[in-house]
Amino acid sequence: MLLDFGMVQGIFGQQLERYPNLDDVITEISLKCEMWEARRDMTTVTEQWKDALIKDVPVKEWQDQCQLWWKVATRADRELPVNNVVPRLKEMAVLWKDLVPICSDLKNPALQVQK
């Protein structure tokens, strides 16, 4: 919508104006959207991988995903301090962040049962 308004201003030869409040709202809504998507993804992934065997755990994929979730959670905690979802999101991100190295260690061949 902002782009359309800016285009109209340009057509009529008016000076293009920026709306800082609108930019702040867009940033906040984008962050909230990222936060809710991260929470949804964490819940989905948790359910999918709950029954996975350690040998089948995609540790690298988990590490990358957990890093993204952690970034969203910390950014939301910093920029959305009055949001009730942020503490739960951060709690879930910490849980995953702590879980991934354990899964990686358990996949270590030296820890496997010797035959």
N, C-alpha and C. Protein backbone atom coordinates (compact mmCIF):
# COMPACT_ATOMS: atom_id res chain seq x y z
N MET A 1 0.82 -1.19 0.00
CA MET A 1 0.00 0.00 0.00
C MET A 1 0.87 1.25 0.00
N LEU A 2 1.96 1.22 0.77
CA LEU A 2 2.86 2.36 0.84
C LEU A 2 3.51 2.61 -0.52
N LEU A 3 3.84 1.55 -1.23
CA LEU A 3 4.44 1.71 -2.54
C LEU A 3 3.47 2.38 -3.51
N ASP A 4 2.21 1.98 -3.44
CA ASP A 4 1.20 2.57 -4.32
C ASP A 4 1.05 4.06 -4.03
N PHE A 5 1.02 4.41 -2.76
CA PHE A 5 0.88 5.81 -2.38
C PHE A 5 2.09 6.61 -2.83
N GLY A 6 3.27 6.02 -2.70
CA GLY A 6 4.49 6.69 -3.15
C GLY A 6 4.48 6.89 -4.65
N MET A 7 3.95 5.93 -5.39
CA MET A 7 3.88 6.04 -6.84
C MET A 7 2.93 7.19 -7.22
N VAL A 8 1.81 7.30 -6.51
CA VAL A 8 0.85 8.38 -6.78
C VAL A 8 1.49 9.73 -6.50
N GLN A 9 2.25 9.82 -5.40
CA GLN A 9 2.93 11.07 -5.08
C GLN A 9 3.89 11.45 -6.19
N GLY A 10 4.59 10.46 -6.73
CA GLY A 10 5.54 10.72 -7.81
C GLY A 10 4.85 11.17 -9.08
N ILE A 11 3.71 10.58 -9.40
CA ILE A 11 2.96 10.93 -10.60
C ILE A 11 2.53 12.40 -10.56
N PHE A 12 2.11 12.85 -9.39
CA PHE A 12 1.64 14.23 -9.25
C PHE A 12 2.76 15.20 -8.92
N GLY A 13 4.00 14.73 -8.97
CA GLY A 13 5.14 15.61 -8.77
C GLY A 13 5.31 16.06 -7.32
N GLN A 14 4.73 15.34 -6.40
CA GLN A 14 4.90 15.70 -5.00
C GLN A 14 6.15 15.02 -4.44
N GLN A 15 6.65 15.60 -3.38
CA GLN A 15 7.81 15.02 -2.73
C GLN A 15 7.39 13.72 -2.05
N LEU A 16 8.18 12.67 -2.30
CA LEU A 16 7.87 11.38 -1.68
C LEU A 16 8.14 11.47 -0.19
N GLU A 17 7.17 11.04 0.58
CA GLU A 17 7.29 11.11 2.03
C GLU A 17 7.41 9.71 2.62
N ARG A 18 8.20 9.63 3.68
CA ARG A 18 8.32 8.39 4.43
C ARG A 18 7.49 8.53 5.70
N TYR A 19 6.96 7.45 6.15
CA TYR A 19 6.15 7.46 7.35
C TYR A 19 6.81 6.55 8.38
N PRO A 20 7.60 7.14 9.28
CA PRO A 20 8.36 6.31 10.23
C PRO A 20 7.45 5.44 11.11
N ASN A 21 6.29 5.96 11.47
CA ASN A 21 5.39 5.15 12.30
C ASN A 21 4.93 3.91 11.54
N LEU A 22 4.66 4.08 10.25
CA LEU A 22 4.24 2.96 9.43
C LEU A 22 5.38 1.94 9.29
N ASP A 23 6.60 2.43 9.14
CA ASP A 23 7.75 1.54 9.07
C ASP A 23 7.89 0.74 10.37
N ASP A 24 7.67 1.38 11.51
CA ASP A 24 7.74 0.70 12.80
C ASP A 24 6.68 -0.38 12.91
N VAL A 25 5.47 -0.06 12.44
CA VAL A 25 4.38 -1.03 12.49
C VAL A 25 4.69 -2.23 11.58
N ILE A 26 5.21 -1.96 10.41
CA ILE A 26 5.57 -3.03 9.48
C ILE A 26 6.63 -3.93 10.10
N THR A 27 7.64 -3.33 10.72
CA THR A 27 8.70 -4.10 11.37
C THR A 27 8.15 -4.96 12.50
N GLU A 28 7.27 -4.39 13.32
CA GLU A 28 6.70 -5.13 14.44
C GLU A 28 5.83 -6.29 13.96
N ILE A 29 5.02 -6.05 12.95
CA ILE A 29 4.15 -7.11 12.43
C ILE A 29 4.99 -8.21 11.79
N SER A 30 6.04 -7.83 11.08
CA SER A 30 6.93 -8.84 10.48
C SER A 30 7.56 -9.71 11.56
N LEU A 31 8.02 -9.08 12.64
CA LEU A 31 8.63 -9.84 13.73
C LEU A 31 7.61 -10.76 14.40
N LYS A 32 6.40 -10.26 14.61
CA LYS A 32 5.36 -11.10 15.20
C LYS A 32 5.05 -12.30 14.29
N CYS A 33 5.02 -12.05 13.01
CA CYS A 33 4.76 -13.13 12.05
C CYS A 33 5.89 -14.17 12.12
N GLU A 34 7.14 -13.72 12.15
CA GLU A 34 8.28 -14.63 12.28
C GLU A 34 8.19 -15.42 13.58
N MET A 35 7.78 -14.74 14.65
CA MET A 35 7.68 -15.37 15.95
C MET A 35 6.63 -16.49 15.92
N TRP A 36 5.46 -16.21 15.36
CA TRP A 36 4.40 -17.21 15.30
C TRP A 36 4.77 -18.36 14.38
N GLU A 37 5.46 -18.05 13.28
CA GLU A 37 5.90 -19.11 12.38
C GLU A 37 6.93 -20.00 13.06
N ALA A 38 7.84 -19.40 13.81
CA ALA A 38 8.85 -20.17 14.53
C ALA A 38 8.19 -21.08 15.56
N ARG A 39 7.22 -20.55 16.26
CA ARG A 39 6.51 -21.36 17.27
C ARG A 39 5.77 -22.52 16.60
N ARG A 40 5.11 -22.23 15.49
CA ARG A 40 4.40 -23.29 14.76
C ARG A 40 5.38 -24.35 14.27
N ASP A 41 6.50 -23.89 13.70
CA ASP A 41 7.50 -24.82 13.19
C ASP A 41 8.10 -25.67 14.30
N MET A 42 8.38 -25.05 15.44
CA MET A 42 8.94 -25.81 16.57
C MET A 42 7.97 -26.89 17.03
N THR A 43 6.71 -26.54 17.12
CA THR A 43 5.70 -27.51 17.55
C THR A 43 5.58 -28.65 16.54
N THR A 44 5.56 -28.31 15.26
CA THR A 44 5.46 -29.32 14.21
C THR A 44 6.68 -30.23 14.21
N VAL A 45 7.85 -29.64 14.27
CA VAL A 45 9.09 -30.42 14.25
C VAL A 45 9.19 -31.30 15.49
N THR A 46 8.78 -30.77 16.63
CA THR A 46 8.81 -31.56 17.86
C THR A 46 7.95 -32.81 17.71
N GLU A 47 6.77 -32.64 17.17
CA GLU A 47 5.87 -33.79 16.99
C GLU A 47 6.44 -34.79 15.98
N GLN A 48 7.04 -34.28 14.90
CA GLN A 48 7.58 -35.15 13.86
C GLN A 48 8.78 -35.95 14.36
N TRP A 49 9.64 -35.31 15.13
CA TRP A 49 10.89 -35.93 15.53
C TRP A 49 10.84 -36.57 16.91
N LYS A 50 9.68 -36.53 17.55
CA LYS A 50 9.55 -37.10 18.89
C LYS A 50 9.88 -38.59 18.90
N ASP A 51 9.49 -39.28 17.87
CA ASP A 51 9.69 -40.73 17.81
C ASP A 51 10.89 -41.13 16.94
N ALA A 52 11.69 -40.17 16.52
CA ALA A 52 12.84 -40.48 15.66
C ALA A 52 13.93 -41.19 16.46
N LEU A 53 14.59 -42.12 15.83
CA LEU A 53 15.74 -42.78 16.44
C LEU A 53 16.94 -41.85 16.37
N ILE A 54 17.79 -41.93 17.35
CA ILE A 54 18.96 -41.05 17.40
C ILE A 54 19.80 -41.17 16.13
N LYS A 55 19.93 -42.38 15.61
CA LYS A 55 20.75 -42.56 14.40
C LYS A 55 20.14 -41.87 13.18
N ASP A 56 18.83 -41.61 13.22
CA ASP A 56 18.16 -40.97 12.09
C ASP A 56 18.01 -39.46 12.25
N VAL A 57 18.50 -38.93 13.35
CA VAL A 57 18.34 -37.50 13.64
C VAL A 57 19.21 -36.68 12.69
N PRO A 58 18.62 -35.75 11.96
CA PRO A 58 19.39 -34.88 11.06
C PRO A 58 20.00 -33.71 11.85
N VAL A 59 21.12 -33.97 12.52
CA VAL A 59 21.71 -33.00 13.46
C VAL A 59 22.03 -31.67 12.79
N LYS A 60 22.63 -31.70 11.61
CA LYS A 60 23.00 -30.45 10.93
C LYS A 60 21.75 -29.62 10.64
N GLU A 61 20.72 -30.28 10.15
CA GLU A 61 19.44 -29.60 9.88
C GLU A 61 18.87 -29.00 11.16
N TRP A 62 18.93 -29.77 12.24
CA TRP A 62 18.43 -29.29 13.53
C TRP A 62 19.23 -28.09 14.01
N GLN A 63 20.55 -28.15 13.88
CA GLN A 63 21.39 -27.03 14.32
C GLN A 63 21.03 -25.75 13.58
N ASP A 64 20.89 -25.86 12.27
CA ASP A 64 20.54 -24.67 11.47
C ASP A 64 19.18 -24.13 11.87
N GLN A 65 18.21 -25.02 12.01
CA GLN A 65 16.86 -24.60 12.36
C GLN A 65 16.81 -23.99 13.76
N CYS A 66 17.51 -24.61 14.69
CA CYS A 66 17.54 -24.09 16.07
C CYS A 66 18.18 -22.71 16.13
N GLN A 67 19.19 -22.51 15.34
CA GLN A 67 19.84 -21.20 15.30
C GLN A 67 18.87 -20.13 14.80
N LEU A 68 18.08 -20.45 13.79
CA LEU A 68 17.07 -19.51 13.30
C LEU A 68 16.02 -19.23 14.37
N TRP A 69 15.55 -20.29 15.02
CA TRP A 69 14.55 -20.11 16.07
C TRP A 69 15.09 -19.27 17.22
N TRP A 70 16.35 -19.51 17.59
CA TRP A 70 16.97 -18.76 18.68
C TRP A 70 17.06 -17.28 18.32
N LYS A 71 17.45 -16.99 17.08
CA LYS A 71 17.56 -15.59 16.65
C LYS A 71 16.20 -14.89 16.70
N VAL A 72 15.16 -15.57 16.24
CA VAL A 72 13.82 -14.99 16.27
C VAL A 72 13.39 -14.77 17.72
N ALA A 73 13.64 -15.75 18.58
CA ALA A 73 13.23 -15.65 19.99
C ALA A 73 13.95 -14.50 20.69
N THR A 74 15.25 -14.37 20.49
CA THR A 74 15.98 -13.30 21.17
C THR A 74 15.61 -11.94 20.61
N ARG A 75 15.40 -11.87 19.31
CA ARG A 75 14.98 -10.60 18.72
C ARG A 75 13.59 -10.20 19.22
N ALA A 76 12.69 -11.17 19.29
CA ALA A 76 11.34 -10.89 19.79
C ALA A 76 11.40 -10.48 21.26
N ASP A 77 12.26 -11.13 22.04
CA ASP A 77 12.40 -10.78 23.45
C ASP A 77 12.91 -9.35 23.62
N ARG A 78 13.81 -8.97 22.74
CA ARG A 78 14.39 -7.63 22.80
C ARG A 78 13.43 -6.55 22.29
N GLU A 79 12.72 -6.85 21.21
CA GLU A 79 11.91 -5.82 20.55
C GLU A 79 10.43 -5.87 20.91
N LEU A 80 9.96 -6.98 21.47
CA LEU A 80 8.55 -7.11 21.86
C LEU A 80 8.45 -7.52 23.33
N PRO A 81 8.89 -6.66 24.23
CA PRO A 81 8.94 -7.06 25.63
C PRO A 81 7.58 -7.31 26.29
N VAL A 82 6.51 -6.78 25.72
CA VAL A 82 5.19 -6.91 26.35
C VAL A 82 4.33 -7.91 25.57
N ASN A 83 4.92 -9.01 25.19
CA ASN A 83 4.21 -10.01 24.41
C ASN A 83 4.18 -11.32 25.20
N ASN A 84 3.01 -11.90 25.35
CA ASN A 84 2.86 -13.11 26.16
C ASN A 84 3.42 -14.36 25.49
N VAL A 85 3.63 -14.33 24.20
CA VAL A 85 4.11 -15.51 23.47
C VAL A 85 5.64 -15.61 23.56
N VAL A 86 6.30 -14.50 23.72
CA VAL A 86 7.77 -14.47 23.69
C VAL A 86 8.40 -15.39 24.73
N PRO A 87 7.97 -15.38 26.00
CA PRO A 87 8.62 -16.28 26.97
C PRO A 87 8.51 -17.76 26.60
N ARG A 88 7.36 -18.18 26.11
CA ARG A 88 7.19 -19.59 25.71
C ARG A 88 8.06 -19.91 24.49
N LEU A 89 8.13 -18.99 23.53
CA LEU A 89 8.96 -19.19 22.35
C LEU A 89 10.42 -19.32 22.76
N LYS A 90 10.86 -18.46 23.64
CA LYS A 90 12.25 -18.49 24.09
C LYS A 90 12.53 -19.79 24.86
N GLU A 91 11.58 -20.22 25.67
CA GLU A 91 11.72 -21.47 26.42
C GLU A 91 11.87 -22.65 25.46
N MET A 92 11.05 -22.67 24.42
CA MET A 92 11.12 -23.75 23.44
C MET A 92 12.45 -23.70 22.67
N ALA A 93 12.90 -22.50 22.34
CA ALA A 93 14.17 -22.35 21.61
C ALA A 93 15.34 -22.82 22.47
N VAL A 94 15.32 -22.50 23.76
CA VAL A 94 16.38 -22.95 24.67
C VAL A 94 16.38 -24.47 24.78
N LEU A 95 15.19 -25.05 24.87
CA LEU A 95 15.08 -26.50 24.94
C LEU A 95 15.73 -27.16 23.73
N TRP A 96 15.40 -26.67 22.55
CA TRP A 96 15.98 -27.22 21.32
C TRP A 96 17.47 -26.94 21.25
N LYS A 97 17.87 -25.75 21.64
CA LYS A 97 19.28 -25.37 21.58
C LYS A 97 20.11 -26.29 22.47
N ASP A 98 19.56 -26.71 23.60
CA ASP A 98 20.26 -27.63 24.50
C ASP A 98 20.17 -29.08 24.03
N LEU A 99 19.12 -29.43 23.34
CA LEU A 99 18.89 -30.80 22.89
C LEU A 99 19.79 -31.21 21.73
N VAL A 100 20.03 -30.32 20.80
CA VAL A 100 20.76 -30.67 19.58
C VAL A 100 22.18 -31.18 19.87
N PRO A 101 22.97 -30.53 20.71
CA PRO A 101 24.32 -31.06 20.97
C PRO A 101 24.28 -32.45 21.63
N ILE A 102 23.28 -32.69 22.45
CA ILE A 102 23.14 -34.00 23.10
C ILE A 102 22.88 -35.07 22.04
N CYS A 103 21.99 -34.77 21.10
CA CYS A 103 21.70 -35.72 20.02
C CYS A 103 22.94 -35.97 19.17
N SER A 104 23.68 -34.92 18.92
CA SER A 104 24.92 -35.04 18.15
C SER A 104 25.92 -35.94 18.87
N ASP A 105 26.06 -35.74 20.18
CA ASP A 105 26.98 -36.57 20.96
C ASP A 105 26.54 -38.03 20.97
N LEU A 106 25.24 -38.26 21.07
CA LEU A 106 24.74 -39.63 21.11
C LEU A 106 24.92 -40.36 19.78
N LYS A 107 25.08 -39.61 18.70
CA LYS A 107 25.32 -40.24 17.39
C LYS A 107 26.79 -40.63 17.21
N ASN A 108 27.63 -40.22 18.13
CA ASN A 108 29.06 -40.50 18.06
C ASN A 108 29.27 -42.02 18.02
N PRO A 109 29.98 -42.53 17.02
CA PRO A 109 30.18 -43.98 16.91
C PRO A 109 30.91 -44.58 18.13
N ALA A 110 31.72 -43.78 18.78
CA ALA A 110 32.44 -44.29 19.95
C ALA A 110 31.49 -44.60 21.11
N LEU A 111 30.31 -44.02 21.09
CA LEU A 111 29.33 -44.27 22.15
C LEU A 111 28.37 -45.42 21.82
N GLN A 112 28.52 -45.99 20.63
CA GLN A 112 27.64 -47.08 20.22
C GLN A 112 28.02 -48.38 20.93
N VAL A 113 27.07 -49.26 21.01
CA VAL A 113 27.30 -50.56 21.64
C VAL A 113 28.34 -51.35 20.84
N GLN A 114 29.32 -51.86 21.52
CA GLN A 114 30.36 -52.65 20.86
C GLN A 114 29.90 -54.10 20.74
N LYS A 115 30.11 -54.69 19.58
CA LYS A 115 29.70 -56.10 19.37
C LYS A 115 30.89 -57.02 19.46
